[in-house]
Structures are given as C-alpha cells and as structure tokens.
Amino acid sequence: MGEKNARKPFTVDIWEDLSDEFEEFRIKTGFTKWQAISGALRAYMSLPADVQVALNAPDMTVIDAGKLITDKICDLERIRLLGKLDHDQVAYLQALTKEVAEHLSGE
C-alpha cells in the first residue's frame, strides 16, 4: 500500500441516474468528489457481506439502501441489547411475543 494520504485516480462506469443523484447530493452536502467517494467506499467495505450483495441489486434505490442499512444496524443493536437481558426479562418478552402473535392471528 502506498503513502497514507496519496491519491489515486478511481474511475468506473455507473448508472447515469445514480451518478446524477450522487452529484446533486455531493454538491448539496459540500463534499468534494474524492471525499464523498472515499467515505462511501469505507462505509461499503465495512458492511456485512449480505448487505453488500443486496446493495448491488440493479433495482436498489437510495431510499431502499438507506432502509436496508438502518434495519441492519437496528437488528444488530437489538441483538446486543437482548444479550444483556436476565432470565425474567427474556421470559416476559417471550410471553408478550406469544400474546401479540395470538392476538394478531385472531386466536
């Protein structure tokens, strides 16, 4: 790997509408192209593989991508918080989940 702050040209062909949307967003937020692309690449590379795959779907919109990433972060946070529950709290949540499921199914 080269010098930490050295820059290298990074050119790829992408969908025209995505390029236009990116350019509008970049101008609105005030970032240079290299700042915005560097940040986007860092974020993409740090995502779980299943999210990376989903983001590459040709019909993925920016809104859908944001929802996908937000949902994944929320899921990870819920898993982290659930791991901190004691036995009584887990039992309560299981009973509540069962009650809600029965109510929703009309039983």
PDB file of N, CA and C in Angstrom:
ATOM      1  N   MET A   1       0.838  -1.162   0.000  1.00  0.00           N
ATOM      2  CA  MET A   1       0.000   0.000   0.000  1.00  0.00           C
ATOM      3  C   MET A   1       0.888   1.231   0.000  1.00  0.00           C
ATOM      4  N   GLY A   2       0.462   2.281  -0.709  1.00  0.00           N
ATOM      5  CA  GLY A   2       1.261   3.481  -0.844  1.00  0.00           C
ATOM      6  C   GLY A   2       1.160   4.390   0.362  1.00  0.00           C
ATOM      7  N   GLU A   3       1.640   5.606   0.169  1.00  0.00           N
ATOM      8  CA  GLU A   3       1.608   6.624   1.208  1.00  0.00           C
ATOM      9  C   GLU A   3       0.171   6.850   1.666  1.00  0.00           C
ATOM     10  N   LYS A   4      -0.025   7.036   2.974  1.00  0.00           N
ATOM     11  CA  LYS A   4      -1.368   7.112   3.550  1.00  0.00           C
ATOM     12  C   LYS A   4      -2.248   8.171   2.893  1.00  0.00           C
ATOM     13  N   ASN A   5      -1.749   9.328   2.615  1.00  0.00           N
ATOM     14  CA  ASN A   5      -2.562  10.410   2.071  1.00  0.00           C
ATOM     15  C   ASN A   5      -2.408  10.579   0.564  1.00  0.00           C
ATOM     16  N   ALA A   6      -1.739   9.651  -0.089  1.00  0.00           N
ATOM     17  CA  ALA A   6      -1.588   9.738  -1.540  1.00  0.00           C
ATOM     18  C   ALA A   6      -2.927   9.433  -2.197  1.00  0.00           C
ATOM     19  N   ARG A   7      -3.220  10.103  -3.292  1.00  0.00           N
ATOM     20  CA  ARG A   7      -4.464   9.868  -4.020  1.00  0.00           C
ATOM     21  C   ARG A   7      -4.170   9.139  -5.317  1.00  0.00           C
ATOM     22  N   LYS A   8      -5.151   8.367  -5.753  1.00  0.00           N
ATOM     23  CA  LYS A   8      -5.025   7.586  -6.971  1.00  0.00           C
ATOM     24  C   LYS A   8      -6.324   7.744  -7.762  1.00  0.00           C
ATOM     25  N   PRO A   9      -6.252   7.929  -9.070  1.00  0.00           N
ATOM     26  CA  PRO A   9      -7.492   8.048  -9.859  1.00  0.00           C
ATOM     27  C   PRO A   9      -8.373   6.809  -9.672  1.00  0.00           C
ATOM     28  N   PHE A  10      -9.677   7.041  -9.610  1.00  0.00           N
ATOM     29  CA  PHE A  10     -10.639   5.965  -9.401  1.00  0.00           C
ATOM     30  C   PHE A  10     -11.815   6.241 -10.336  1.00  0.00           C
ATOM     31  N   THR A  11     -11.831   5.563 -11.450  1.00  0.00           N
ATOM     32  CA  THR A  11     -12.851   5.821 -12.461  1.00  0.00           C
ATOM     33  C   THR A  11     -13.564   4.529 -12.815  1.00  0.00           C
ATOM     34  N   VAL A  12     -14.886   4.578 -12.748  1.00  0.00           N
ATOM     35  CA  VAL A  12     -15.708   3.427 -13.136  1.00  0.00           C
ATOM     36  C   VAL A  12     -16.960   3.944 -13.836  1.00  0.00           C
ATOM     37  N   ASP A  13     -17.574   3.088 -14.627  1.00  0.00           N
ATOM     38  CA  ASP A  13     -18.854   3.418 -15.241  1.00  0.00           C
ATOM     39  C   ASP A  13     -19.965   2.958 -14.307  1.00  0.00           C
ATOM     40  N   ILE A  14     -20.910   3.861 -14.021  1.00  0.00           N
ATOM     41  CA  ILE A  14     -22.066   3.507 -13.198  1.00  0.00           C
ATOM     42  C   ILE A  14     -23.324   4.001 -13.895  1.00  0.00           C
ATOM     43  N   TRP A  15     -24.482   3.588 -13.371  1.00  0.00           N
ATOM     44  CA  TRP A  15     -25.746   4.018 -13.954  1.00  0.00           C
ATOM     45  C   TRP A  15     -25.835   5.542 -13.944  1.00  0.00           C
ATOM     46  N   GLU A  16     -26.309   6.087 -15.040  1.00  0.00           N
ATOM     47  CA  GLU A  16     -26.372   7.537 -15.212  1.00  0.00           C
ATOM     48  C   GLU A  16     -27.224   8.203 -14.132  1.00  0.00           C
ATOM     49  N   ASP A  17     -28.389   7.633 -13.824  1.00  0.00           N
ATOM     50  CA  ASP A  17     -29.253   8.248 -12.811  1.00  0.00           C
ATOM     51  C   ASP A  17     -28.600   8.252 -11.427  1.00  0.00           C
ATOM     52  N   LEU A  18     -27.858   7.195 -11.109  1.00  0.00           N
ATOM     53  CA  LEU A  18     -27.161   7.140  -9.830  1.00  0.00           C
ATOM     54  C   LEU A  18     -26.040   8.177  -9.780  1.00  0.00           C
ATOM     55  N   SER A  19     -25.336   8.324 -10.895  1.00  0.00           N
ATOM     56  CA  SER A  19     -24.273   9.319 -10.976  1.00  0.00           C
ATOM     57  C   SER A  19     -24.832  10.731 -10.793  1.00  0.00           C
ATOM     58  N   ASP A  20     -25.952  11.007 -11.459  1.00  0.00           N
ATOM     59  CA  ASP A  20     -26.580  12.331 -11.343  1.00  0.00           C
ATOM     60  C   ASP A  20     -27.068  12.582  -9.913  1.00  0.00           C
ATOM     61  N   GLU A  21     -27.673  11.570  -9.301  1.00  0.00           N
ATOM     62  CA  GLU A  21     -28.160  11.701  -7.928  1.00  0.00           C
ATOM     63  C   GLU A  21     -27.000  11.921  -6.957  1.00  0.00           C
ATOM     64  N   PHE A  22     -25.904  11.192  -7.176  1.00  0.00           N
ATOM     65  CA  PHE A  22     -24.712  11.353  -6.346  1.00  0.00           C
ATOM     66  C   PHE A  22     -24.156  12.772  -6.468  1.00  0.00           C
ATOM     67  N   GLU A  23     -24.071  13.270  -7.686  1.00  0.00           N
ATOM     68  CA  GLU A  23     -23.520  14.609  -7.914  1.00  0.00           C
ATOM     69  C   GLU A  23     -24.381  15.676  -7.234  1.00  0.00           C
ATOM     70  N   GLU A  24     -25.699  15.557  -7.337  1.00  0.00           N
ATOM     71  CA  GLU A  24     -26.593  16.510  -6.667  1.00  0.00           C
ATOM     72  C   GLU A  24     -26.397  16.457  -5.154  1.00  0.00           C
ATOM     73  N   PHE A  25     -26.335  15.256  -4.623  1.00  0.00           N
ATOM     74  CA  PHE A  25     -26.146  15.071  -3.180  1.00  0.00           C
ATOM     75  C   PHE A  25     -24.799  15.639  -2.734  1.00  0.00           C
ATOM     76  N   ARG A  26     -23.768  15.341  -3.503  1.00  0.00           N
ATOM     77  CA  ARG A  26     -22.421  15.801  -3.164  1.00  0.00           C
ATOM     78  C   ARG A  26     -22.359  17.324  -3.135  1.00  0.00           C
ATOM     79  N   ILE A  27     -22.947  17.967  -4.109  1.00  0.00           N
ATOM     80  CA  ILE A  27     -22.947  19.433  -4.158  1.00  0.00           C
ATOM     81  C   ILE A  27     -23.734  19.992  -2.977  1.00  0.00           C
ATOM     82  N   LYS A  28     -24.897  19.400  -2.701  1.00  0.00           N
ATOM     83  CA  LYS A  28     -25.751  19.872  -1.605  1.00  0.00           C
ATOM     84  C   LYS A  28     -25.043  19.746  -0.257  1.00  0.00           C
ATOM     85  N   THR A  29     -24.272  18.682  -0.077  1.00  0.00           N
ATOM     86  CA  THR A  29     -23.594  18.471   1.217  1.00  0.00           C
ATOM     87  C   THR A  29     -22.243  19.167   1.302  1.00  0.00           C
ATOM     88  N   GLY A  30     -21.729  19.622   0.163  1.00  0.00           N
ATOM     89  CA  GLY A  30     -20.484  20.375   0.165  1.00  0.00           C
ATOM     90  C   GLY A  30     -19.208  19.551   0.147  1.00  0.00           C
ATOM     91  N   PHE A  31     -19.330  18.253  -0.054  1.00  0.00           N
ATOM     92  CA  PHE A  31     -18.135  17.413  -0.111  1.00  0.00           C
ATOM     93  C   PHE A  31     -17.538  17.421  -1.511  1.00  0.00           C
ATOM     94  N   THR A  32     -16.226  17.252  -1.571  1.00  0.00           N
ATOM     95  CA  THR A  32     -15.592  17.069  -2.876  1.00  0.00           C
ATOM     96  C   THR A  32     -15.889  15.650  -3.340  1.00  0.00           C
ATOM     97  N   LYS A  33     -15.662  15.392  -4.618  1.00  0.00           N
ATOM     98  CA  LYS A  33     -15.918  14.036  -5.121  1.00  0.00           C
ATOM     99  C   LYS A  33     -15.064  13.012  -4.390  1.00  0.00           C
ATOM    100  N   TRP A  34     -13.780  13.316  -4.194  1.00  0.00           N
ATOM    101  CA  TRP A  34     -12.924  12.316  -3.549  1.00  0.00           C
ATOM    102  C   TRP A  34     -13.340  12.075  -2.102  1.00  0.00           C
ATOM    103  N   GLN A  35     -13.816  13.115  -1.392  1.00  0.00           N
ATOM    104  CA  GLN A  35     -14.279  12.919  -0.018  1.00  0.00           C
ATOM    105  C   GLN A  35     -15.519  12.018   0.015  1.00  0.00           C
ATOM    106  N   ALA A  36     -16.480  12.328  -0.852  1.00  0.00           N
ATOM    107  CA  ALA A  36     -17.734  11.570  -0.862  1.00  0.00           C
ATOM    108  C   ALA A  36     -17.499  10.120  -1.285  1.00  0.00           C
ATOM    109  N   ILE A  37     -16.699   9.905  -2.302  1.00  0.00           N
ATOM    110  CA  ILE A  37     -16.437   8.544  -2.774  1.00  0.00           C
ATOM    111  C   ILE A  37     -15.604   7.780  -1.748  1.00  0.00           C
ATOM    112  N   SER A  38     -14.625   8.429  -1.143  1.00  0.00           N
ATOM    113  CA  SER A  38     -13.819   7.761  -0.111  1.00  0.00           C
ATOM    114  C   SER A  38     -14.688   7.326   1.057  1.00  0.00           C
ATOM    115  N   GLY A  39     -15.578   8.215   1.505  1.00  0.00           N
ATOM    116  CA  GLY A  39     -16.484   7.871   2.599  1.00  0.00           C
ATOM    117  C   GLY A  39     -17.427   6.736   2.225  1.00  0.00           C
ATOM    118  N   ALA A  40     -17.956   6.794   1.004  1.00  0.00           N
ATOM    119  CA  ALA A  40     -18.869   5.748   0.545  1.00  0.00           C
ATOM    120  C   ALA A  40     -18.158   4.397   0.469  1.00  0.00           C
ATOM    121  N   LEU A  41     -16.935   4.395  -0.028  1.00  0.00           N
ATOM    122  CA  LEU A  41     -16.178   3.145  -0.124  1.00  0.00           C
ATOM    123  C   LEU A  41     -15.872   2.570   1.258  1.00  0.00           C
ATOM    124  N   ARG A  42     -15.478   3.423   2.193  1.00  0.00           N
ATOM    125  CA  ARG A  42     -15.211   2.946   3.560  1.00  0.00           C
ATOM    126  C   ARG A  42     -16.470   2.326   4.165  1.00  0.00           C
ATOM    127  N   ALA A  43     -17.603   3.026   3.995  1.00  0.00           N
ATOM    128  CA  ALA A  43     -18.860   2.514   4.540  1.00  0.00           C
ATOM    129  C   ALA A  43     -19.220   1.180   3.891  1.00  0.00           C
ATOM    130  N   TYR A  44     -19.140   1.090   2.575  1.00  0.00           N
ATOM    131  CA  TYR A  44     -19.494  -0.133   1.846  1.00  0.00           C
ATOM    132  C   TYR A  44     -18.623  -1.310   2.288  1.00  0.00           C
ATOM    133  N   MET A  45     -17.323  -1.072   2.396  1.00  0.00           N
ATOM    134  CA  MET A  45     -16.410  -2.160   2.758  1.00  0.00           C
ATOM    135  C   MET A  45     -16.597  -2.626   4.196  1.00  0.00           C
ATOM    136  N   SER A  46     -17.185  -1.787   5.050  1.00  0.00           N
ATOM    137  CA  SER A  46     -17.390  -2.173   6.445  1.00  0.00           C
ATOM    138  C   SER A  46     -18.716  -2.899   6.663  1.00  0.00           C
ATOM    139  N   LEU A  47     -19.560  -2.966   5.643  1.00  0.00           N
ATOM    140  CA  LEU A  47     -20.864  -3.620   5.780  1.00  0.00           C
ATOM    141  C   LEU A  47     -20.745  -5.137   5.727  1.00  0.00           C
ATOM    142  N   PRO A  48     -21.679  -5.829   6.364  1.00  0.00           N
ATOM    143  CA  PRO A  48     -21.706  -7.291   6.236  1.00  0.00           C
ATOM    144  C   PRO A  48     -21.907  -7.694   4.776  1.00  0.00           C
ATOM    145  N   ALA A  49     -21.397  -8.858   4.417  1.00  0.00           N
ATOM    146  CA  ALA A  49     -21.437  -9.322   3.024  1.00  0.00           C
ATOM    147  C   ALA A  49     -22.857  -9.391   2.473  1.00  0.00           C
ATOM    148  N   ASP A  50     -23.829  -9.808   3.295  1.00  0.00           N
ATOM    149  CA  ASP A  50     -25.199  -9.904   2.784  1.00  0.00           C
ATOM    150  C   ASP A  50     -25.760  -8.534   2.408  1.00  0.00           C
ATOM    151  N   VAL A  51     -25.375  -7.499   3.128  1.00  0.00           N
ATOM    152  CA  VAL A  51     -25.824  -6.151   2.805  1.00  0.00           C
ATOM    153  C   VAL A  51     -25.120  -5.669   1.535  1.00  0.00           C
ATOM    154  N   GLN A  52     -23.835  -5.956   1.396  1.00  0.00           N
ATOM    155  CA  GLN A  52     -23.113  -5.584   0.172  1.00  0.00           C
ATOM    156  C   GLN A  52     -23.782  -6.201  -1.048  1.00  0.00           C
ATOM    157  N   VAL A  53     -24.139  -7.468  -0.957  1.00  0.00           N
ATOM    158  CA  VAL A  53     -24.795  -8.154  -2.073  1.00  0.00           C
ATOM    159  C   VAL A  53     -26.127  -7.479  -2.389  1.00  0.00           C
ATOM    160  N   ALA A  54     -26.920  -7.212  -1.353  1.00  0.00           N
ATOM    161  CA  ALA A  54     -28.225  -6.588  -1.554  1.00  0.00           C
ATOM    162  C   ALA A  54     -28.097  -5.200  -2.184  1.00  0.00           C
ATOM    163  N   LEU A  55     -27.086  -4.453  -1.787  1.00  0.00           N
ATOM    164  CA  LEU A  55     -26.888  -3.112  -2.339  1.00  0.00           C
ATOM    165  C   LEU A  55     -26.549  -3.136  -3.825  1.00  0.00           C
ATOM    166  N   ASN A  56     -26.057  -4.253  -4.316  1.00  0.00           N
ATOM    167  CA  ASN A  56     -25.681  -4.361  -5.727  1.00  0.00           C
ATOM    168  C   ASN A  56     -26.832  -4.775  -6.630  1.00  0.00           C
ATOM    169  N   ALA A  57     -28.024  -4.933  -6.078  1.00  0.00           N
ATOM    170  CA  ALA A  57     -29.185  -5.256  -6.908  1.00  0.00           C
ATOM    171  C   ALA A  57     -29.445  -4.079  -7.853  1.00  0.00           C
ATOM    172  N   PRO A  58     -29.681  -4.353  -9.137  1.00  0.00           N
ATOM    173  CA  PRO A  58     -29.851  -3.264 -10.108  1.00  0.00           C
ATOM    174  C   PRO A  58     -31.047  -2.358  -9.802  1.00  0.00           C
ATOM    175  N   ASP A  59     -32.036  -2.862  -9.085  1.00  0.00           N
ATOM    176  CA  ASP A  59     -33.216  -2.050  -8.793  1.00  0.00           C
ATOM    177  C   ASP A  59     -33.162  -1.387  -7.410  1.00  0.00           C
ATOM    178  N   MET A  60     -32.018  -1.455  -6.736  1.00  0.00           N
ATOM    179  CA  MET A  60     -31.866  -0.860  -5.403  1.00  0.00           C
ATOM    180  C   MET A  60     -31.852   0.664  -5.522  1.00  0.00           C
ATOM    181  N   THR A  61     -32.785   1.319  -4.826  1.00  0.00           N
ATOM    182  CA  THR A  61     -32.817   2.782  -4.813  1.00  0.00           C
ATOM    183  C   THR A  61     -32.030   3.290  -3.607  1.00  0.00           C
ATOM    184  N   VAL A  62     -31.742   4.569  -3.606  1.00  0.00           N
ATOM    185  CA  VAL A  62     -31.040   5.173  -2.473  1.00  0.00           C
ATOM    186  C   VAL A  62     -31.892   5.048  -1.206  1.00  0.00           C
ATOM    187  N   ILE A  63     -33.184   5.249  -1.340  1.00  0.00           N
ATOM    188  CA  ILE A  63     -34.080   5.128  -0.187  1.00  0.00           C
ATOM    189  C   ILE A  63     -34.087   3.696   0.332  1.00  0.00           C
ATOM    190  N   ASP A  64     -34.197   2.719  -0.583  1.00  0.00           N
ATOM    191  CA  ASP A  64     -34.170   1.310  -0.176  1.00  0.00           C
ATOM    192  C   ASP A  64     -32.839   0.946   0.483  1.00  0.00           C
ATOM    193  N   ALA A  65     -31.744   1.482  -0.055  1.00  0.00           N
ATOM    194  CA  ALA A  65     -30.421   1.204   0.514  1.00  0.00           C
ATOM    195  C   ALA A  65     -30.335   1.751   1.935  1.00  0.00           C
ATOM    196  N   GLY A  66     -30.826   2.963   2.140  1.00  0.00           N
ATOM    197  CA  GLY A  66     -30.820   3.551   3.472  1.00  0.00           C
ATOM    198  C   GLY A  66     -31.643   2.740   4.453  1.00  0.00           C
ATOM    199  N   LYS A  67     -32.812   2.284   4.014  1.00  0.00           N
ATOM    200  CA  LYS A  67     -33.665   1.462   4.875  1.00  0.00           C
ATOM    201  C   LYS A  67     -32.986   0.139   5.205  1.00  0.00           C
ATOM    202  N   LEU A  68     -32.376  -0.492   4.205  1.00  0.00           N
ATOM    203  CA  LEU A  68     -31.683  -1.756   4.415  1.00  0.00           C
ATOM    204  C   LEU A  68     -30.579  -1.613   5.461  1.00  0.00           C
ATOM    205  N   ILE A  69     -29.774  -0.582   5.322  1.00  0.00           N
ATOM    206  CA  ILE A  69     -28.656  -0.366   6.252  1.00  0.00           C
ATOM    207  C   ILE A  69     -29.173  -0.010   7.644  1.00  0.00           C
ATOM    208  N   THR A  70     -30.182   0.854   7.724  1.00  0.00           N
ATOM    209  CA  THR A  70     -30.759   1.226   9.018  1.00  0.00           C
ATOM    210  C   THR A  70     -31.351   0.007   9.717  1.00  0.00           C
ATOM    211  N   ASP A  71     -32.089  -0.813   8.963  1.00  0.00           N
ATOM    212  CA  ASP A  71     -32.675  -2.033   9.546  1.00  0.00           C
ATOM    213  C   ASP A  71     -31.589  -2.963  10.073  1.00  0.00           C
ATOM    214  N   LYS A  72     -30.502  -3.107   9.328  1.00  0.00           N
ATOM    215  CA  LYS A  72     -29.408  -3.983   9.748  1.00  0.00           C
ATOM    216  C   LYS A  72     -28.777  -3.471  11.043  1.00  0.00           C
ATOM    217  N   ILE A  73     -28.556  -2.156  11.119  1.00  0.00           N
ATOM    218  CA  ILE A  73     -27.981  -1.564  12.328  1.00  0.00           C
ATOM    219  C   ILE A  73     -28.919  -1.771  13.510  1.00  0.00           C
ATOM    220  N   CYS A  74     -30.218  -1.553  13.292  1.00  0.00           N
ATOM    221  CA  CYS A  74     -31.202  -1.752  14.369  1.00  0.00           C
ATOM    222  C   CYS A  74     -31.235  -3.206  14.808  1.00  0.00           C
ATOM    223  N   ASP A  75     -31.172  -4.148  13.849  1.00  0.00           N
ATOM    224  CA  ASP A  75     -31.155  -5.564  14.194  1.00  0.00           C
ATOM    225  C   ASP A  75     -29.948  -5.898  15.062  1.00  0.00           C
ATOM    226  N   LEU A  76     -28.788  -5.373  14.687  1.00  0.00           N
ATOM    227  CA  LEU A  76     -27.573  -5.641  15.464  1.00  0.00           C
ATOM    228  C   LEU A  76     -27.676  -5.056  16.864  1.00  0.00           C
ATOM    229  N   GLU A  77     -28.271  -3.875  16.978  1.00  0.00           N
ATOM    230  CA  GLU A  77     -28.445  -3.242  18.289  1.00  0.00           C
ATOM    231  C   GLU A  77     -29.431  -4.045  19.139  1.00  0.00           C
ATOM    232  N   ARG A  78     -30.512  -4.531  18.520  1.00  0.00           N
ATOM    233  CA  ARG A  78     -31.479  -5.353  19.264  1.00  0.00           C
ATOM    234  C   ARG A  78     -30.813  -6.633  19.766  1.00  0.00           C
ATOM    235  N   ILE A  79     -30.004  -7.253  18.930  1.00  0.00           N
ATOM    236  CA  ILE A  79     -29.300  -8.478  19.337  1.00  0.00           C
ATOM    237  C   ILE A  79     -28.365  -8.177  20.511  1.00  0.00           C
ATOM    238  N   ARG A  80     -27.654  -7.060  20.435  1.00  0.00           N
ATOM    239  CA  ARG A  80     -26.750  -6.668  21.517  1.00  0.00           C
ATOM    240  C   ARG A  80     -27.527  -6.447  22.811  1.00  0.00           C
ATOM    241  N   LEU A  81     -28.649  -5.736  22.719  1.00  0.00           N
ATOM    242  CA  LEU A  81     -29.447  -5.458  23.914  1.00  0.00           C
ATOM    243  C   LEU A  81     -30.099  -6.718  24.474  1.00  0.00           C
ATOM    244  N   LEU A  82     -30.567  -7.595  23.589  1.00  0.00           N
ATOM    245  CA  LEU A  82     -31.177  -8.837  24.058  1.00  0.00           C
ATOM    246  C   LEU A  82     -30.174  -9.701  24.815  1.00  0.00           C
ATOM    247  N   GLY A  83     -28.923  -9.619  24.420  1.00  0.00           N
ATOM    248  CA  GLY A  83     -27.884 -10.384  25.108  1.00  0.00           C
ATOM    249  C   GLY A  83     -27.656  -9.935  26.539  1.00  0.00           C
ATOM    250  N   LYS A  84     -28.143  -8.737  26.890  1.00  0.00           N
ATOM    251  CA  LYS A  84     -27.959  -8.204  28.235  1.00  0.00           C
ATOM    252  C   LYS A  84     -29.141  -8.493  29.158  1.00  0.00           C
ATOM    253  N   LEU A  85     -30.200  -9.114  28.616  1.00  0.00           N
ATOM    254  CA  LEU A  85     -31.390  -9.368  29.425  1.00  0.00           C
ATOM    255  C   LEU A  85     -31.164 -10.520  30.399  1.00  0.00           C
ATOM    256  N   ASP A  86     -31.802 -10.406  31.582  1.00  0.00           N
ATOM    257  CA  ASP A  86     -31.747 -11.529  32.518  1.00  0.00           C
ATOM    258  C   ASP A  86     -32.870 -12.520  32.185  1.00  0.00           C
ATOM    259  N   HIS A  87     -32.894 -13.648  32.869  1.00  0.00           N
ATOM    260  CA  HIS A  87     -33.844 -14.724  32.583  1.00  0.00           C
ATOM    261  C   HIS A  87     -35.294 -14.238  32.660  1.00  0.00           C
ATOM    262  N   ASP A  88     -35.641 -13.460  33.691  1.00  0.00           N
ATOM    263  CA  ASP A  88     -37.016 -12.978  33.861  1.00  0.00           C
ATOM    264  C   ASP A  88     -37.426 -12.050  32.715  1.00  0.00           C
ATOM    265  N   GLN A  89     -36.522 -11.198  32.275  1.00  0.00           N
ATOM    266  CA  GLN A  89     -36.827 -10.290  31.175  1.00  0.00           C
ATOM    267  C   GLN A  89     -37.053 -11.059  29.870  1.00  0.00           C
ATOM    268  N   VAL A  90     -36.254 -12.093  29.642  1.00  0.00           N
ATOM    269  CA  VAL A  90     -36.416 -12.929  28.447  1.00  0.00           C
ATOM    270  C   VAL A  90     -37.766 -13.643  28.494  1.00  0.00           C
ATOM    271  N   ALA A  91     -38.106 -14.206  29.638  1.00  0.00           N
ATOM    272  CA  ALA A  91     -39.386 -14.907  29.791  1.00  0.00           C
ATOM    273  C   ALA A  91     -40.547 -13.951  29.545  1.00  0.00           C
ATOM    274  N   TYR A  92     -40.459 -12.736  30.072  1.00  0.00           N
ATOM    275  CA  TYR A  92     -41.514 -11.744  29.868  1.00  0.00           C
ATOM    276  C   TYR A  92     -41.661 -11.425  28.385  1.00  0.00           C
ATOM    277  N   LEU A  93     -40.563 -11.182  27.682  1.00  0.00           N
ATOM    278  CA  LEU A  93     -40.624 -10.862  26.253  1.00  0.00           C
ATOM    279  C   LEU A  93     -41.178 -12.032  25.445  1.00  0.00           C
ATOM    280  N   GLN A  94     -40.822 -13.256  25.823  1.00  0.00           N
ATOM    281  CA  GLN A  94     -41.351 -14.425  25.119  1.00  0.00           C
ATOM    282  C   GLN A  94     -42.866 -14.519  25.311  1.00  0.00           C
ATOM    283  N   ALA A  95     -43.342 -14.304  26.530  1.00  0.00           N
ATOM    284  CA  ALA A  95     -44.781 -14.354  26.807  1.00  0.00           C
ATOM    285  C   ALA A  95     -45.510 -13.239  26.067  1.00  0.00           C
ATOM    286  N   LEU A  96     -44.942 -12.063  26.071  1.00  0.00           N
ATOM    287  CA  LEU A  96     -45.542 -10.926  25.363  1.00  0.00           C
ATOM    288  C   LEU A  96     -45.594 -11.177  23.865  1.00  0.00           C
ATOM    289  N   THR A  97     -44.537 -11.731  23.310  1.00  0.00           N
ATOM    290  CA  THR A  97     -44.492 -12.049  21.884  1.00  0.00           C
ATOM    291  C   THR A  97     -45.565 -13.068  21.530  1.00  0.00           C
ATOM    292  N   LYS A  98     -45.711 -14.077  22.371  1.00  0.00           N
ATOM    293  CA  LYS A  98     -46.734 -15.109  22.143  1.00  0.00           C
ATOM    294  C   LYS A  98     -48.126 -14.488  22.202  1.00  0.00           C
ATOM    295  N   GLU A  99     -48.361 -13.634  23.177  1.00  0.00           N
ATOM    296  CA  GLU A  99     -49.669 -12.981  23.331  1.00  0.00           C
ATOM    297  C   GLU A  99     -49.992 -12.114  22.113  1.00  0.00           C
ATOM    298  N   VAL A 100     -49.044 -11.340  21.655  1.00  0.00           N
ATOM    299  CA  VAL A 100     -49.258 -10.480  20.485  1.00  0.00           C
ATOM    300  C   VAL A 100     -49.511 -11.329  19.246  1.00  0.00           C
ATOM    301  N   ALA A 101     -48.755 -12.404  19.065  1.00  0.00           N
ATOM    302  CA  ALA A 101     -48.936 -13.281  17.907  1.00  0.00           C
ATOM    303  C   ALA A 101     -50.323 -13.892  17.915  1.00  0.00           C
ATOM    304  N   GLU A 102     -50.784 -14.337  19.101  1.00  0.00           N
ATOM    305  CA  GLU A 102     -52.130 -14.912  19.206  1.00  0.00           C
ATOM    306  C   GLU A 102     -53.194 -13.872  18.902  1.00  0.00           C
ATOM    307  N   HIS A 103     -52.997 -12.668  19.389  1.00  0.00           N
ATOM    308  CA  HIS A 103     -53.952 -11.582  19.141  1.00  0.00           C
ATOM    309  C   HIS A 103     -54.021 -11.257  17.641  1.00  0.00           C
ATOM    310  N   LEU A 104     -52.870 -11.188  17.005  1.00  0.00           N
ATOM    311  CA  LEU A 104     -52.828 -10.862  15.577  1.00  0.00           C
ATOM    312  C   LEU A 104     -53.418 -11.970  14.703  1.00  0.00           C
ATOM    313  N   SER A 105     -53.295 -13.206  15.160  1.00  0.00           N
ATOM    314  CA  SER A 105     -53.830 -14.324  14.372  1.00  0.00           C
ATOM    315  C   SER A 105     -55.308 -14.570  14.674  1.00  0.00           C
ATOM    316  N   GLY A 106     -55.858 -13.861  15.663  1.00  0.00           N
ATOM    317  CA  GLY A 106     -57.268 -13.984  15.990  1.00  0.00           C
ATOM    318  C   GLY A 106     -57.597 -15.158  16.878  1.00  0.00           C
ATOM    319  N   GLU A 107     -56.624 -15.790  17.470  1.00  0.00           N
ATOM    320  CA  GLU A 107     -56.865 -16.954  18.348  1.00  0.00           C
ATOM    321  C   GLU A 107     -57.356 -16.513  19.699  1.00  0.00           C
TER     322      GLU A 107
END
